[in-house]
Amino acid sequence: MIIPCIDLMGGKAVQLIQGRDKALEEDSVMAVLERFAGFPEIQVIDLDAALGRGSNDELVRELAARAITRVGGGVRSTQRAQTLVAQGAHRVIVGTAAFDANGIHREFLRTLVEAVGQERLIIALDSKADHIVTEGWQKATTFTAEEVIRSLEPYCSGFLCTYVDKEGMMQGTNLDWFRRLRAATNHEMTAAGGVTTIEDIAALREMHIHAAVGMAIYTGRLDLAELLKMEKSQVG
């Protein structure tokens, strides 16, 4: 599955390079959504919520009403997860709160499963310099995605694995990293971070990994019509 991404900041759709530098923004988020019509699912990340500086809840609610969405950003409480589901999110992405200083934050994840259900939860494994990063990719942990992915399986129905080193850089992604993660779990997996070409997506498809695509779509490097044709051929 090819999943277009809408990242929200200050009421606009934006694309950042490695989570820091804003590369582009579009004022009309709904116009962006219209361009993505035909794709089975949209990924929505509230960057303001992720960074702890507000939220874009009204936009999230409107996007969720118009499309099947997986929504993340600032999911650090069961109440936040329940709110997103109530707003219409099909699935909820949790990242930072899935971990604590010692590794997996099992107590929180258990309460989250009880609150919204395992089938609705996606755990984000964002990796930079070979280690999982949290708090909007600003803080590095001491462990790797490969070390924790299997232990996280009881708390989610899939993983969003972002190779932050390549995020937004239009240089391709690290297929070897995704291949290693694919071998480590049978759960659904979505790749993000530097997915730039049709060849990247085709390679991920062969591994049975979904592709979340952002910068390459917004800049025109990937043609939406070609992607949609590819998506429909996979469904067919």
Protein backbone atom coordinates (compact mmCIF):
# COMPACT_ATOMS: atom_id res chain seq x y z
CA MET A 1 0.00 0.00 0.00
CA ILE A 2 1.20 3.50 -0.86
CA ILE A 3 0.27 5.99 1.89
CA PRO A 4 0.53 9.73 1.16
CA CYS A 5 1.50 11.84 4.18
CA ILE A 6 0.06 15.08 5.49
CA ASP A 7 2.20 16.66 8.22
CA LEU A 8 0.49 19.52 10.07
CA MET A 9 2.13 22.59 11.55
CA GLY A 10 0.46 25.89 12.32
CA GLY A 11 -2.66 24.93 10.40
CA LYS A 12 -0.73 24.15 7.22
CA ALA A 13 0.59 21.07 5.45
CA VAL A 14 4.39 21.08 5.69
CA GLN A 15 7.39 18.97 4.85
CA LEU A 16 10.50 19.04 7.02
CA ILE A 17 14.01 17.81 6.44
CA GLN A 18 15.00 15.38 9.21
CA GLY A 19 12.27 16.84 11.38
CA ARG A 20 14.01 20.21 11.72
CA ASP A 21 14.10 22.46 8.68
CA LYS A 22 10.89 23.37 6.88
CA ALA A 23 11.31 22.70 3.17
CA LEU A 24 7.84 23.64 2.00
CA GLU A 25 4.32 24.41 3.17
CA GLU A 26 0.86 24.56 1.67
CA ASP A 27 -1.90 26.73 3.11
CA SER A 28 -4.87 24.59 2.06
CA VAL A 29 -4.65 21.23 3.77
CA MET A 30 -7.95 20.15 2.22
CA ALA A 31 -6.62 20.88 -1.25
CA VAL A 32 -3.72 18.56 -0.47
CA LEU A 33 -6.16 15.89 0.65
CA GLU A 34 -8.09 16.24 -2.61
CA ARG A 35 -4.90 15.49 -4.54
CA PHE A 36 -4.62 12.26 -2.60
CA ALA A 37 -8.13 11.07 -3.47
CA GLY A 38 -8.07 7.47 -4.60
CA PHE A 39 -5.44 6.25 -2.17
CA PRO A 40 -6.86 3.85 0.43
CA GLU A 41 -5.32 5.51 3.48
CA ILE A 42 -3.70 8.81 4.46
CA GLN A 43 -1.10 9.33 7.17
CA VAL A 44 -1.60 12.47 9.25
CA ILE A 45 1.02 13.65 11.73
CA ASP A 46 0.32 16.65 13.96
CA LEU A 47 3.83 18.04 14.33
CA ASP A 48 2.75 20.77 16.76
CA ALA A 49 1.33 18.12 19.08
CA ALA A 50 4.46 15.99 18.67
CA LEU A 51 6.65 18.93 19.66
CA GLY A 52 4.38 19.89 22.56
CA ARG A 53 3.40 23.29 21.24
CA GLY A 54 -0.31 23.03 20.59
CA SER A 55 -2.34 20.96 18.18
CA ASN A 56 -4.24 20.99 14.92
CA ASP A 57 -7.27 19.11 16.22
CA GLU A 58 -9.85 20.78 13.99
CA LEU A 59 -7.86 19.91 10.88
CA VAL A 60 -7.34 16.36 12.11
CA ARG A 61 -11.08 16.01 12.67
CA GLU A 62 -11.88 17.31 9.19
CA LEU A 63 -9.28 15.08 7.52
CA ALA A 64 -10.54 12.04 9.42
CA ALA A 65 -14.10 12.81 8.32
CA ARG A 66 -13.08 12.85 4.66
CA ALA A 67 -10.61 9.97 4.44
CA ILE A 68 -9.39 6.83 6.16
CA THR A 69 -6.55 8.13 8.29
CA ARG A 70 -3.83 6.92 10.57
CA VAL A 71 -3.04 9.80 12.92
CA GLY A 72 -0.06 10.50 15.14
CA GLY A 73 1.63 13.31 16.97
CA GLY A 74 1.61 13.89 20.71
CA VAL A 75 -0.07 10.60 21.66
CA ARG A 76 1.30 10.53 25.19
CA SER A 77 -1.87 9.65 27.08
CA THR A 78 -4.79 7.30 26.69
CA GLN A 79 -7.04 10.36 26.56
CA ARG A 80 -5.19 11.70 23.52
CA ALA A 81 -5.54 8.35 21.75
CA GLN A 82 -9.23 8.15 22.60
CA THR A 83 -9.74 11.72 21.38
CA LEU A 84 -8.17 10.91 18.01
CA VAL A 85 -10.38 7.86 17.63
CA ALA A 86 -13.41 9.93 18.58
CA GLN A 87 -12.39 12.48 15.95
CA GLY A 88 -12.54 9.71 13.37
CA ALA A 89 -8.98 8.38 13.16
CA HIS A 90 -9.00 4.84 11.80
CA ARG A 91 -5.74 4.05 13.58
CA VAL A 92 -3.51 5.89 16.06
CA ILE A 93 0.27 6.17 15.87
CA VAL A 94 2.18 6.27 19.17
CA GLY A 95 5.90 7.00 19.34
CA THR A 96 7.56 8.80 22.23
CA ALA A 97 5.27 7.47 24.96
CA ALA A 98 5.92 3.86 23.91
CA PHE A 99 9.36 4.15 25.49
CA ASP A 100 10.91 5.17 28.77
CA ALA A 101 14.46 5.41 30.06
CA ASN A 102 14.73 1.65 30.36
CA GLY A 103 13.21 0.72 27.01
CA ILE A 104 9.60 -0.22 26.39
CA HIS A 105 6.99 1.59 28.49
CA ARG A 106 4.87 -1.53 28.93
CA GLU A 107 2.48 -0.15 31.56
CA PHE A 108 1.44 2.74 29.33
CA LEU A 109 1.10 0.52 26.27
CA ARG A 110 -1.10 -1.94 28.16
CA THR A 111 -3.45 0.87 29.20
CA LEU A 112 -3.48 2.14 25.63
CA VAL A 113 -4.48 -1.28 24.29
CA GLU A 114 -7.27 -1.42 26.86
CA ALA A 115 -8.42 2.08 25.91
CA VAL A 116 -8.59 1.84 22.11
CA GLY A 117 -7.74 -1.74 21.16
CA GLN A 118 -4.60 -3.36 19.79
CA GLU A 119 -5.96 -3.36 16.23
CA ARG A 120 -6.11 0.45 16.21
CA LEU A 121 -2.55 1.02 17.36
CA ILE A 122 0.58 1.57 15.29
CA ILE A 123 3.89 2.01 17.11
CA ALA A 124 6.41 4.38 15.54
CA LEU A 125 10.01 3.21 15.44
CA ASP A 126 11.89 6.33 14.38
CA SER A 127 15.59 5.65 13.93
CA LYS A 128 18.47 8.10 13.65
CA ALA A 129 22.14 7.14 13.77
CA ASP A 130 20.98 3.56 14.44
CA HIS A 131 19.00 4.41 17.60
CA ILE A 132 15.35 5.11 18.26
CA VAL A 133 14.64 8.81 18.70
CA THR A 134 11.70 10.38 20.53
CA GLU A 135 10.13 13.76 21.36
CA GLY A 136 9.85 14.93 17.79
CA TRP A 137 13.17 13.19 16.94
CA GLN A 138 14.97 15.52 19.36
CA LYS A 139 16.04 12.90 21.93
CA ALA A 140 18.03 9.73 21.29
CA THR A 141 17.55 6.50 23.23
CA THR A 142 20.16 3.81 23.89
CA PHE A 143 18.38 1.04 21.99
CA THR A 144 17.65 0.15 18.38
CA ALA A 145 14.46 -0.71 16.55
CA GLU A 146 15.73 -4.21 15.88
CA GLU A 147 16.22 -4.80 19.61
CA VAL A 148 12.66 -3.91 20.62
CA ILE A 149 10.38 -4.57 17.66
CA ARG A 150 9.38 -8.13 18.54
CA SER A 151 8.70 -7.26 22.18
CA LEU A 152 6.32 -4.51 21.03
CA GLU A 153 4.10 -6.84 18.99
CA PRO A 154 1.50 -7.44 21.75
CA TYR A 155 0.76 -3.71 21.94
CA CYS A 156 -0.03 -2.88 18.32
CA SER A 157 -1.18 -4.18 14.96
CA GLY A 158 1.64 -2.60 12.96
CA PHE A 159 4.80 -0.51 12.94
CA LEU A 160 5.68 2.79 11.29
CA CYS A 161 9.43 2.61 10.76
CA THR A 162 11.06 5.91 9.82
CA TYR A 163 14.70 6.13 8.76
CA VAL A 164 15.20 9.68 10.00
CA ASP A 165 18.71 10.05 8.54
CA LYS A 166 17.15 10.16 5.06
CA GLU A 167 13.89 11.95 5.92
CA GLY A 168 13.07 14.69 3.43
CA MET A 169 16.45 14.52 1.72
CA MET A 170 15.30 12.98 -1.58
CA GLN A 171 18.29 10.62 -1.62
CA GLY A 172 16.49 7.30 -1.39
CA THR A 173 16.04 5.26 1.76
CA ASN A 174 17.89 2.47 3.58
CA LEU A 175 16.37 -0.70 2.17
CA ASP A 176 18.78 -2.91 4.13
CA TRP A 177 17.45 -1.49 7.41
CA PHE A 178 13.87 -2.20 6.40
CA ARG A 179 14.86 -5.68 5.28
CA ARG A 180 16.32 -6.42 8.72
CA LEU A 181 13.21 -5.10 10.47
CA ARG A 182 10.97 -7.12 8.17
CA ALA A 183 12.84 -10.26 9.18
CA ALA A 184 12.32 -9.39 12.85
CA THR A 185 8.50 -9.23 12.89
CA ASN A 186 5.43 -10.63 11.17
CA HIS A 187 3.39 -7.53 12.00
CA GLU A 188 2.33 -5.06 9.33
CA MET A 189 5.12 -2.62 8.59
CA THR A 190 5.16 0.82 6.95
CA ALA A 191 8.40 2.40 5.76
CA ALA A 192 9.07 6.14 5.83
CA GLY A 193 12.09 8.37 5.51
CA GLY A 194 13.63 9.01 2.13
CA VAL A 195 11.21 6.97 0.01
CA THR A 196 11.96 8.80 -3.22
CA THR A 197 11.52 6.63 -6.31
CA ILE A 198 9.21 4.06 -7.84
CA GLU A 199 12.08 1.62 -7.39
CA ASP A 200 12.10 2.29 -3.63
CA ILE A 201 8.39 1.54 -3.44
CA ALA A 202 8.69 -1.56 -5.59
CA ALA A 203 11.53 -2.90 -3.41
CA LEU A 204 9.48 -2.30 -0.27
CA ARG A 205 6.48 -3.97 -1.85
CA GLU A 206 8.56 -7.08 -2.51
CA MET A 207 9.33 -7.13 1.22
CA HIS A 208 5.60 -6.77 2.00
CA ILE A 209 6.16 -3.32 3.49
CA HIS A 210 3.85 -0.36 2.91
CA ALA A 211 5.40 2.93 1.76
CA ALA A 212 4.57 6.26 3.41
CA VAL A 213 5.51 9.00 0.97
CA GLY A 214 5.83 12.73 1.63
CA MET A 215 8.52 15.00 0.19
CA ALA A 216 8.82 13.11 -3.11
CA ILE A 217 5.11 13.69 -3.78
CA TYR A 218 5.03 17.34 -2.77
CA THR A 219 8.04 18.21 -4.92
CA GLY A 220 6.77 16.27 -7.93
CA ARG A 221 9.64 13.78 -7.88
CA LEU A 222 6.97 11.07 -7.72
CA ASP A 223 3.97 11.45 -9.99
CA LEU A 224 0.67 10.98 -8.19
CA ALA A 225 -1.04 9.49 -11.25
CA GLU A 226 1.72 6.91 -11.60
CA LEU A 227 1.56 6.09 -7.90
CA LEU A 228 -2.20 5.69 -8.02
CA LYS A 229 -1.88 3.37 -11.02
CA MET A 230 0.71 1.35 -9.11
CA GLU A 231 -1.54 1.22 -6.05
CA LYS A 232 -4.56 0.05 -8.05
CA SER A 233 -2.50 -2.63 -9.81
CA GLN A 234 -1.45 -3.98 -6.41
CA VAL A 235 -5.04 -4.07 -5.19
CA GLY A 236 -6.12 -5.75 -8.40
